[in-house]
Amino acid sequence: MRRRFLGLLGFATGVAVGTVLYRRSGRARRERVDLYFDDGSMVSLGDGTPGAERLLPVARQALSAARR
């Protein structure tokens, strides 16, 4: 009984760690710009879209200035 419990616990821990690592690796590669409007709507421009190509350099500069 105890051996089975430890096996299930190890499996669940492995699944949880794998999920976290998978989600982190996917987020690190994608850059995007989120635009929020007064009416509550939002538009997300992903890397490679025409609008994002113009806004991403500005966003990078703003973030680097805020981190100083």
C-alpha atoms as a PDB file:
ATOM      1  CA  MET A   1       0.000   0.000   0.000  1.00  0.00           C
ATOM      2  CA  ARG A   2       2.728   2.456   0.979  1.00  0.00           C
ATOM      3  CA  ARG A   3       4.797   1.583  -2.080  1.00  0.00           C
ATOM      4  CA  ARG A   4       1.845   2.247  -4.357  1.00  0.00           C
ATOM      5  CA  PHE A   5       1.193   5.591  -2.656  1.00  0.00           C
ATOM      6  CA  LEU A   6       4.825   6.652  -3.088  1.00  0.00           C
ATOM      7  CA  GLY A   7       4.706   5.644  -6.745  1.00  0.00           C
ATOM      8  CA  LEU A   8       1.594   7.724  -7.346  1.00  0.00           C
ATOM      9  CA  LEU A   9       3.091  10.649  -5.441  1.00  0.00           C
ATOM     10  CA  GLY A  10       6.260  10.479  -7.551  1.00  0.00           C
ATOM     11  CA  PHE A  11       4.225  10.322 -10.751  1.00  0.00           C
ATOM     12  CA  ALA A  12       2.074  13.309  -9.746  1.00  0.00           C
ATOM     13  CA  THR A  13       5.160  15.306  -8.787  1.00  0.00           C
ATOM     14  CA  GLY A  14       6.767  14.519 -12.141  1.00  0.00           C
ATOM     15  CA  VAL A  15       3.669  15.622 -14.022  1.00  0.00           C
ATOM     16  CA  ALA A  16       3.503  18.882 -12.060  1.00  0.00           C
ATOM     17  CA  VAL A  17       7.184  19.680 -12.630  1.00  0.00           C
ATOM     18  CA  GLY A  18       6.904  18.814 -16.321  1.00  0.00           C
ATOM     19  CA  THR A  19       3.899  21.085 -16.723  1.00  0.00           C
ATOM     20  CA  VAL A  20       5.672  24.022 -15.088  1.00  0.00           C
ATOM     21  CA  LEU A  21       8.790  23.568 -17.228  1.00  0.00           C
ATOM     22  CA  TYR A  22       6.745  23.246 -20.409  1.00  0.00           C
ATOM     23  CA  ARG A  23       4.763  26.407 -19.695  1.00  0.00           C
ATOM     24  CA  ARG A  24       7.902  28.402 -18.839  1.00  0.00           C
ATOM     25  CA  SER A  25       9.726  27.406 -22.009  1.00  0.00           C
ATOM     26  CA  GLY A  26       6.783  28.399 -24.200  1.00  0.00           C
ATOM     27  CA  ARG A  27       6.375  31.818 -22.619  1.00  0.00           C
ATOM     28  CA  ALA A  28      10.009  32.821 -22.870  1.00  0.00           C
ATOM     29  CA  ARG A  29      10.036  32.704 -26.661  1.00  0.00           C
ATOM     30  CA  ARG A  30       6.935  34.742 -27.425  1.00  0.00           C
ATOM     31  CA  GLU A  31       6.831  38.487 -27.191  1.00  0.00           C
ATOM     32  CA  ARG A  32       3.603  40.380 -27.531  1.00  0.00           C
ATOM     33  CA  VAL A  33       2.098  43.781 -26.944  1.00  0.00           C
ATOM     34  CA  ASP A  34      -1.248  44.011 -25.143  1.00  0.00           C
ATOM     35  CA  LEU A  35      -3.256  47.145 -25.861  1.00  0.00           C
ATOM     36  CA  TYR A  36      -6.009  48.004 -23.385  1.00  0.00           C
ATOM     37  CA  PHE A  37      -8.727  50.462 -24.386  1.00  0.00           C
ATOM     38  CA  ASP A  38     -11.027  52.674 -22.288  1.00  0.00           C
ATOM     39  CA  ASP A  39     -14.097  50.612 -23.162  1.00  0.00           C
ATOM     40  CA  GLY A  40     -12.528  47.553 -21.511  1.00  0.00           C
ATOM     41  CA  SER A  41     -11.494  45.761 -24.671  1.00  0.00           C
ATOM     42  CA  MET A  42      -8.000  44.450 -25.322  1.00  0.00           C
ATOM     43  CA  VAL A  43      -5.993  43.570 -28.415  1.00  0.00           C
ATOM     44  CA  SER A  44      -2.921  41.364 -28.192  1.00  0.00           C
ATOM     45  CA  LEU A  45      -0.377  41.763 -30.995  1.00  0.00           C
ATOM     46  CA  GLY A  46       2.004  38.847 -31.285  1.00  0.00           C
ATOM     47  CA  ASP A  47       5.596  38.923 -32.437  1.00  0.00           C
ATOM     48  CA  GLY A  48       5.744  39.210 -36.219  1.00  0.00           C
ATOM     49  CA  THR A  49       2.533  41.157 -36.736  1.00  0.00           C
ATOM     50  CA  PRO A  50       2.854  44.596 -38.373  1.00  0.00           C
ATOM     51  CA  GLY A  51       1.630  46.502 -35.327  1.00  0.00           C
ATOM     52  CA  ALA A  52       3.880  44.598 -32.931  1.00  0.00           C
ATOM     53  CA  GLU A  53       6.973  45.228 -35.050  1.00  0.00           C
ATOM     54  CA  ARG A  54       6.534  48.949 -34.421  1.00  0.00           C
ATOM     55  CA  LEU A  55       5.500  48.723 -30.763  1.00  0.00           C
ATOM     56  CA  LEU A  56       7.869  46.062 -29.390  1.00  0.00           C
ATOM     57  CA  PRO A  57      11.020  48.249 -29.556  1.00  0.00           C
ATOM     58  CA  VAL A  58       9.170  51.048 -27.741  1.00  0.00           C
ATOM     59  CA  ALA A  59       7.926  48.592 -25.115  1.00  0.00           C
ATOM     60  CA  ARG A  60      11.437  47.186 -24.605  1.00  0.00           C
ATOM     61  CA  GLN A  61      12.789  50.706 -24.052  1.00  0.00           C
ATOM     62  CA  ALA A  62      10.024  51.516 -21.574  1.00  0.00           C
ATOM     63  CA  LEU A  63      10.652  48.308 -19.620  1.00  0.00           C
ATOM     64  CA  SER A  64      14.402  48.839 -19.498  1.00  0.00           C
ATOM     65  CA  ALA A  65      13.899  52.423 -18.276  1.00  0.00           C
ATOM     66  CA  ALA A  66      11.476  51.232 -15.588  1.00  0.00           C
ATOM     67  CA  ARG A  67      13.936  48.586 -14.344  1.00  0.00           C
ATOM     68  CA  ARG A  68      16.740  51.119 -13.770  1.00  0.00           C
END
